[in-house]
Amino acid sequence: MELNRRLLKEATDQGLLTEPQAERLWQFLAERAQDRPRFSFTHILYYFGGLIAIGAMTLFMTLGWEQFGGWGLFTIALLYALAGLGLTEHFLRKRLAIPAGILAAFVVALTPLAVYGLQHALGLWAEGRDYRDYHAYIDWRWLLMELTTLAIGAILLWRYRLPFLVMPVAITLWYMSMDLAPFLFGWEDYSWELRRLVSLWFGLLITLLAFWVDLRTRQDKDFAFWLYLFGVVAFWCGLTLMKSDNELSKFLYFCINLLMIGVGAVLSRRVFVVFGGLGSAGYLGYLAYDVFKDSLLFPFLLTAIGLAVIYLGILWQRHETSISLKLRALLPEPLRELIERRH
């Protein structure tokens, strides 16, 4: 339940709080919520401006920048990074954690450009790829840029403890998984089937890493969000695009998506529920349009199942507290603390 001024006023009207107490409580909650991302106009401006700045130095980089040469690109990236670090420190002193995190992520996003420029300047870059190709093509030559980016991201995460810094780290891990596969297996063996497998297993690995980070985190800052996002997207896309030649594999796909919905509900992570829901709807659509396309009973059966699920939700709501306490008592303490913290 979201606490707002209207609820506090109702509590005051019922004598649960005095007006000074309600005002002090509201100020306390407002200060605590200041550094937590939320869907407000201020935060939208923060993230929109930050993503424009990051995109300018990454996705939207033009070929005209190649005219600066290697040393020019390295110097520009270095100056931008120093300015970004200076603004990060300034915002932290002003207790503006979200803009600070965005500027720190901007510094991490500059790292591939700096490494690319330095390699060019030292004559260590083979022709055939420009910097803007980094975000469009799979190539093992990006690996040094990616490893350096991960190192800078780790250093800044250790220094600042800002959750948004995980975003460029997660993207870089995703890029590196795609670039490592042809480097390890060779381009001739890098089929679409292998790409799907790499996406699936990489996504599962990053999702488990996010879960580990979630267990280790003992504060309000959500360091696992971006890892969950990219991990689940990579896993679900790899799983969805894999070939399934029989009904059993398709049904297992449906069960995995249902499991994702359950995991999302337990951990309060919407990304599991969204993609699990998409996969489940896709399977039900397959049943309706392919397997039971001429059946008269299928829509009635599906409606009955839907109503039964709603009734199950009603039963769960009535007995949620007692059932949850009994189930959580069976869990290991770190997992129990995680669930209680997320709810």
Protein backbone atom coordinates (compact mmCIF):
# COMPACT_ATOMS: atom_id res chain seq x y z
CA MET A 1 0.00 0.00 0.00
CA GLU A 2 1.33 3.43 -0.93
CA LEU A 3 1.26 5.90 1.94
CA ASN A 4 0.14 9.40 0.99
CA ARG A 5 -1.14 12.54 2.68
CA ARG A 6 -4.77 11.48 2.29
CA LEU A 7 -4.16 8.31 4.33
CA LEU A 8 -2.31 10.28 6.98
CA LYS A 9 -5.22 12.73 7.20
CA GLU A 10 -7.66 9.84 7.63
CA ALA A 11 -5.46 8.47 10.41
CA THR A 12 -5.43 11.91 12.02
CA ASP A 13 -9.22 12.24 11.74
CA GLN A 14 -9.62 8.86 13.49
CA GLY A 15 -7.33 9.93 16.32
CA LEU A 16 -4.52 7.50 15.47
CA LEU A 17 -2.06 10.35 14.96
CA THR A 18 -1.92 13.98 15.94
CA GLU A 19 -1.43 16.54 13.19
CA PRO A 20 2.18 17.35 14.25
CA GLN A 21 2.97 13.63 14.34
CA ALA A 22 1.47 13.14 10.88
CA GLU A 23 3.48 16.06 9.50
CA ARG A 24 6.75 14.80 11.00
CA LEU A 25 6.03 11.29 9.69
CA TRP A 26 5.34 12.67 6.21
CA GLN A 27 8.59 14.65 6.22
CA PHE A 28 10.51 11.57 7.34
CA LEU A 29 8.99 9.42 4.60
CA ALA A 30 9.57 12.14 1.98
CA GLU A 31 13.27 12.31 2.88
CA ARG A 32 13.59 8.53 2.72
CA ALA A 33 11.83 8.41 -0.66
CA GLN A 34 13.88 11.22 -2.20
CA ASP A 35 16.66 8.89 -3.38
CA ARG A 36 14.39 6.04 -4.47
CA PRO A 37 13.41 5.90 -8.15
CA ARG A 38 9.74 6.57 -8.71
CA PHE A 39 7.43 7.64 -11.53
CA SER A 40 7.51 11.37 -10.87
CA PHE A 41 8.09 14.26 -13.28
CA THR A 42 11.40 15.11 -11.59
CA HIS A 43 12.74 11.59 -11.90
CA ILE A 44 11.51 11.32 -15.48
CA LEU A 45 13.56 14.43 -16.31
CA TYR A 46 16.58 12.96 -14.50
CA TYR A 47 16.53 9.68 -16.41
CA PHE A 48 15.48 11.15 -19.75
CA GLY A 49 18.32 13.67 -19.68
CA GLY A 50 20.80 11.06 -18.50
CA LEU A 51 19.83 8.58 -21.20
CA ILE A 52 20.14 11.30 -23.86
CA ALA A 53 23.68 12.08 -22.66
CA ILE A 54 24.63 8.40 -22.49
CA GLY A 55 23.08 7.73 -25.90
CA ALA A 56 25.01 10.64 -27.44
CA MET A 57 28.29 8.95 -26.51
CA THR A 58 27.16 5.41 -27.38
CA LEU A 59 24.21 4.49 -29.61
CA PHE A 60 23.95 7.83 -31.42
CA MET A 61 27.66 8.39 -32.02
CA THR A 62 28.19 9.47 -35.65
CA LEU A 63 30.97 8.48 -38.03
CA GLY A 64 32.05 12.12 -38.10
CA TRP A 65 33.74 11.60 -34.73
CA GLU A 66 36.31 9.35 -36.39
CA GLN A 67 37.86 12.55 -37.77
CA PHE A 68 39.18 13.35 -34.30
CA GLY A 69 41.54 10.39 -34.54
CA GLY A 70 42.54 8.03 -31.75
CA TRP A 71 44.11 10.58 -29.40
CA GLY A 72 41.25 12.99 -30.01
CA LEU A 73 38.60 10.40 -29.10
CA PHE A 74 40.57 9.30 -26.04
CA THR A 75 41.03 12.90 -24.85
CA ILE A 76 37.34 13.79 -25.36
CA ALA A 77 36.22 10.66 -23.49
CA LEU A 78 38.68 11.37 -20.67
CA LEU A 79 37.56 15.00 -20.29
CA TYR A 80 33.89 13.98 -20.33
CA ALA A 81 34.63 11.28 -17.72
CA LEU A 82 36.42 13.74 -15.42
CA ALA A 83 33.49 16.15 -15.73
CA GLY A 84 31.07 13.29 -15.01
CA LEU A 85 33.01 12.25 -11.90
CA GLY A 86 33.12 15.86 -10.72
CA LEU A 87 29.35 16.21 -11.12
CA THR A 88 28.83 12.85 -9.39
CA GLU A 89 30.76 14.08 -6.35
CA HIS A 90 28.90 17.41 -6.45
CA PHE A 91 25.46 15.76 -6.54
CA LEU A 92 26.39 13.40 -3.72
CA ARG A 93 27.41 16.35 -1.55
CA LYS A 94 23.99 17.87 -2.35
CA ARG A 95 22.35 14.53 -1.38
CA LEU A 96 21.01 14.03 -4.91
CA ALA A 97 21.75 10.33 -5.28
CA ILE A 98 19.76 9.68 -8.47
CA PRO A 99 21.47 12.36 -10.64
CA ALA A 100 24.78 11.22 -9.12
CA GLY A 101 24.10 7.63 -10.18
CA ILE A 102 23.17 8.71 -13.71
CA LEU A 103 26.39 10.75 -14.07
CA ALA A 104 28.47 7.86 -12.71
CA ALA A 105 26.81 5.52 -15.23
CA PHE A 106 27.64 8.09 -17.93
CA VAL A 107 31.32 7.74 -16.97
CA VAL A 108 31.13 3.94 -17.28
CA ALA A 109 29.41 4.28 -20.68
CA LEU A 110 32.34 6.43 -21.88
CA THR A 111 34.87 3.67 -21.20
CA PRO A 112 34.49 1.80 -24.53
CA LEU A 113 35.07 5.05 -26.44
CA ALA A 114 38.20 5.81 -24.40
CA VAL A 115 39.61 2.31 -24.94
CA TYR A 116 38.78 2.40 -28.66
CA GLY A 117 40.49 5.78 -29.04
CA LEU A 118 43.58 4.62 -27.13
CA GLN A 119 43.86 1.44 -29.22
CA HIS A 120 43.60 3.52 -32.39
CA ALA A 121 46.21 5.99 -31.15
CA LEU A 122 48.67 3.20 -30.32
CA GLY A 123 48.09 1.45 -33.64
CA LEU A 124 46.53 -1.61 -31.99
CA TRP A 125 43.16 -1.44 -33.75
CA ALA A 126 42.61 -3.51 -36.91
CA GLU A 127 40.67 -1.79 -39.68
CA GLY A 128 37.15 -2.86 -40.58
CA ARG A 129 35.18 -1.71 -37.55
CA ASP A 130 34.32 1.79 -36.30
CA TYR A 131 33.28 2.70 -32.77
CA ARG A 132 29.58 3.06 -33.64
CA ASP A 133 29.63 -0.61 -34.75
CA TYR A 134 30.22 -1.56 -31.09
CA HIS A 135 26.49 -1.37 -30.42
CA ALA A 136 25.40 -3.02 -33.67
CA TYR A 137 27.72 -5.93 -34.55
CA ILE A 138 29.09 -8.98 -32.77
CA ASP A 139 32.90 -9.02 -32.89
CA TRP A 140 35.53 -10.49 -30.59
CA ARG A 141 37.60 -7.29 -30.95
CA TRP A 142 35.21 -5.53 -28.57
CA LEU A 143 36.30 -7.79 -25.68
CA LEU A 144 39.05 -5.50 -24.36
CA MET A 145 36.62 -2.58 -24.37
CA GLU A 146 34.05 -4.68 -22.51
CA LEU A 147 36.49 -6.00 -19.91
CA THR A 148 37.74 -2.48 -19.20
CA THR A 149 34.17 -1.23 -18.91
CA LEU A 150 33.38 -3.95 -16.37
CA ALA A 151 36.48 -3.02 -14.39
CA ILE A 152 35.59 0.69 -14.32
CA GLY A 153 31.99 -0.17 -13.42
CA ALA A 154 33.16 -2.37 -10.53
CA ILE A 155 35.46 0.37 -9.22
CA LEU A 156 32.75 3.03 -9.34
CA LEU A 157 30.21 0.68 -7.75
CA TRP A 158 32.66 0.05 -4.92
CA ARG A 159 33.32 3.78 -4.59
CA TYR A 160 29.79 5.19 -4.80
CA ARG A 161 27.32 2.34 -4.06
CA LEU A 162 24.78 3.75 -6.55
CA PRO A 163 22.29 1.24 -8.05
CA PHE A 164 22.03 2.84 -11.51
CA LEU A 165 25.71 1.99 -12.07
CA VAL A 166 24.61 -1.63 -12.49
CA MET A 167 22.80 -0.68 -15.73
CA PRO A 168 25.91 -0.20 -17.96
CA VAL A 169 27.55 -3.18 -16.25
CA ALA A 170 24.56 -5.41 -17.08
CA ILE A 171 24.50 -4.22 -20.70
CA THR A 172 28.24 -4.83 -21.04
CA LEU A 173 27.87 -8.36 -19.67
CA TRP A 174 25.15 -8.97 -22.25
CA TYR A 175 27.37 -7.63 -25.06
CA MET A 176 30.31 -9.71 -23.87
CA SER A 177 28.27 -12.92 -23.83
CA MET A 178 27.46 -12.40 -27.52
CA ASP A 179 31.04 -11.49 -28.46
CA LEU A 180 32.63 -14.36 -26.51
CA ALA A 181 30.62 -17.09 -28.24
CA PRO A 182 32.13 -16.68 -31.75
CA PHE A 183 35.55 -16.09 -30.14
CA LEU A 184 35.31 -19.43 -28.32
CA PHE A 185 33.46 -21.53 -30.90
CA GLY A 186 34.48 -19.86 -34.16
CA TRP A 187 32.26 -18.04 -36.62
CA GLU A 188 31.67 -21.14 -38.72
CA ASP A 189 29.99 -22.88 -35.74
CA TYR A 190 28.14 -19.81 -34.49
CA SER A 191 24.70 -20.80 -35.71
CA TRP A 192 21.37 -19.30 -34.67
CA GLU A 193 20.81 -22.35 -32.48
CA LEU A 194 24.04 -21.62 -30.61
CA ARG A 195 23.05 -17.96 -30.26
CA ARG A 196 19.77 -18.98 -28.68
CA LEU A 197 21.56 -21.29 -26.25
CA VAL A 198 24.06 -18.57 -25.34
CA SER A 199 21.22 -16.13 -24.68
CA LEU A 200 19.33 -18.67 -22.56
CA TRP A 201 22.27 -19.74 -20.38
CA PHE A 202 23.68 -16.24 -20.07
CA GLY A 203 20.26 -14.96 -19.01
CA LEU A 204 19.93 -17.71 -16.43
CA LEU A 205 23.42 -16.97 -15.09
CA ILE A 206 22.76 -13.23 -14.79
CA THR A 207 19.38 -13.88 -13.15
CA LEU A 208 21.06 -16.11 -10.55
CA LEU A 209 23.68 -13.39 -10.05
CA ALA A 210 20.86 -10.87 -9.50
CA PHE A 211 19.28 -13.22 -6.95
CA TRP A 212 22.62 -13.52 -5.13
CA VAL A 213 22.96 -9.72 -5.11
CA ASP A 214 19.39 -9.49 -3.78
CA LEU A 215 20.24 -11.87 -0.95
CA ARG A 216 23.41 -9.99 -0.07
CA THR A 217 21.83 -6.55 -0.12
CA ARG A 218 20.79 -5.34 3.32
CA GLN A 219 19.64 -1.83 2.42
CA ASP A 220 16.90 0.01 0.57
CA LYS A 221 18.96 0.53 -2.60
CA ASP A 222 17.99 -1.93 -5.32
CA PHE A 223 21.25 -3.12 -6.89
CA ALA A 224 19.66 -6.21 -8.47
CA PHE A 225 17.02 -4.51 -10.64
CA TRP A 226 19.06 -4.12 -13.85
CA LEU A 227 20.61 -7.56 -13.51
CA TYR A 228 17.15 -9.09 -13.18
CA LEU A 229 15.91 -7.10 -16.17
CA PHE A 230 18.65 -8.08 -18.63
CA GLY A 231 18.93 -11.60 -17.24
CA VAL A 232 15.22 -12.36 -17.59
CA VAL A 233 15.01 -10.75 -21.05
CA ALA A 234 17.99 -12.75 -22.33
CA PHE A 235 16.74 -16.00 -20.78
CA TRP A 236 13.15 -15.59 -21.99
CA CYS A 237 14.16 -14.59 -25.52
CA GLY A 238 16.55 -17.54 -25.81
CA LEU A 239 13.89 -19.89 -24.45
CA THR A 240 11.11 -18.52 -26.67
CA LEU A 241 13.17 -18.64 -29.87
CA MET A 242 14.34 -22.23 -29.36
CA LYS A 243 12.86 -24.88 -31.62
CA SER A 244 10.18 -27.10 -30.10
CA ASP A 245 9.14 -29.96 -32.34
CA ASN A 246 6.71 -31.72 -30.00
CA GLU A 247 3.86 -30.94 -27.64
CA LEU A 248 5.84 -31.94 -24.55
CA SER A 249 8.52 -29.28 -25.15
CA LYS A 250 5.82 -26.65 -25.76
CA PHE A 251 4.07 -27.65 -22.53
CA LEU A 252 7.38 -27.44 -20.63
CA TYR A 253 7.80 -23.95 -22.06
CA PHE A 254 4.37 -23.06 -20.65
CA CYS A 255 5.31 -24.52 -17.24
CA ILE A 256 8.56 -22.52 -17.15
CA ASN A 257 6.61 -19.34 -17.85
CA LEU A 258 4.15 -20.18 -15.06
CA LEU A 259 7.13 -20.74 -12.77
CA MET A 260 8.48 -17.32 -13.76
CA ILE A 261 5.16 -15.75 -12.72
CA GLY A 262 5.38 -17.53 -9.37
CA VAL A 263 8.98 -16.43 -8.81
CA GLY A 264 8.04 -12.86 -9.71
CA ALA A 265 5.19 -12.91 -7.20
CA VAL A 266 7.39 -14.29 -4.42
CA LEU A 267 10.29 -11.88 -5.05
CA SER A 268 8.05 -8.92 -6.01
CA ARG A 269 9.89 -8.61 -9.34
CA ARG A 270 7.53 -7.53 -12.11
CA VAL A 271 9.90 -8.47 -14.92
CA PHE A 272 9.35 -12.19 -14.19
CA VAL A 273 5.58 -11.73 -14.19
CA VAL A 274 5.54 -9.68 -17.41
CA PHE A 275 7.58 -12.11 -19.48
CA GLY A 276 6.07 -15.17 -17.84
CA GLY A 277 2.64 -13.77 -18.71
CA LEU A 278 3.67 -13.15 -22.31
CA GLY A 279 4.97 -16.71 -22.67
CA SER A 280 1.88 -18.22 -21.06
CA ALA A 281 -0.42 -16.17 -23.30
CA GLY A 282 1.60 -17.27 -26.32
CA TYR A 283 1.18 -20.93 -25.41
CA LEU A 284 -2.57 -20.54 -24.83
CA GLY A 285 -2.82 -18.75 -28.17
CA TYR A 286 -1.02 -21.66 -29.81
CA LEU A 287 -3.53 -24.08 -28.27
CA ALA A 288 -6.47 -21.96 -29.42
CA TYR A 289 -5.32 -21.36 -33.00
CA ASP A 290 -3.48 -24.60 -33.77
CA VAL A 291 -4.25 -27.51 -31.47
CA PHE A 292 -7.92 -26.82 -30.66
CA LYS A 293 -8.84 -24.53 -33.52
CA ASP A 294 -11.97 -26.59 -34.36
CA SER A 295 -12.95 -27.34 -30.75
CA LEU A 296 -16.19 -26.01 -29.28
CA LEU A 297 -15.26 -26.84 -25.69
CA PHE A 298 -11.83 -25.19 -25.49
CA PRO A 299 -13.06 -21.59 -24.91
CA PHE A 300 -15.46 -22.82 -22.21
CA LEU A 301 -12.71 -24.87 -20.56
CA LEU A 302 -10.28 -21.94 -20.68
CA THR A 303 -12.91 -19.65 -19.14
CA ALA A 304 -13.47 -22.16 -16.34
CA ILE A 305 -9.74 -22.33 -15.69
CA GLY A 306 -9.56 -18.54 -15.56
CA LEU A 307 -12.42 -18.32 -13.07
CA ALA A 308 -10.82 -21.07 -10.98
CA VAL A 309 -7.58 -19.07 -10.85
CA ILE A 310 -9.55 -16.00 -9.70
CA TYR A 311 -11.20 -18.08 -6.96
CA LEU A 312 -7.77 -19.39 -5.97
CA GLY A 313 -6.69 -15.76 -5.60
CA ILE A 314 -9.66 -15.06 -3.33
CA LEU A 315 -8.79 -18.05 -1.13
CA TRP A 316 -5.17 -16.93 -1.01
CA GLN A 317 -6.16 -13.43 0.04
CA ARG A 318 -8.29 -14.80 2.90
CA HIS A 319 -5.53 -17.01 4.28
CA GLU A 320 -2.43 -15.21 2.95
CA THR A 321 -0.98 -14.24 6.34
CA SER A 322 -1.13 -17.69 7.94
CA ILE A 323 0.00 -19.53 4.79
CA SER A 324 2.85 -17.07 4.18
CA LEU A 325 4.13 -17.38 7.73
CA LYS A 326 4.11 -21.18 7.56
CA LEU A 327 5.85 -21.25 4.17
CA ARG A 328 8.46 -18.65 5.13
CA ALA A 329 9.30 -20.61 8.26
CA LEU A 330 10.52 -23.44 6.00
CA LEU A 331 12.89 -21.16 4.04
CA PRO A 332 16.54 -20.41 4.81
CA GLU A 333 16.97 -17.20 6.81
CA PRO A 334 18.60 -15.12 4.01
CA LEU A 335 15.77 -15.97 1.60
CA ARG A 336 13.16 -15.29 4.27
CA GLU A 337 14.70 -11.89 4.97
CA LEU A 338 14.75 -11.11 1.25
CA ILE A 339 11.05 -11.92 0.82
CA GLU A 340 10.08 -9.90 3.88
CA ARG A 341 12.17 -6.97 2.68
CA ARG A 342 10.70 -7.04 -0.84
CA HIS A 343 7.13 -7.19 0.52
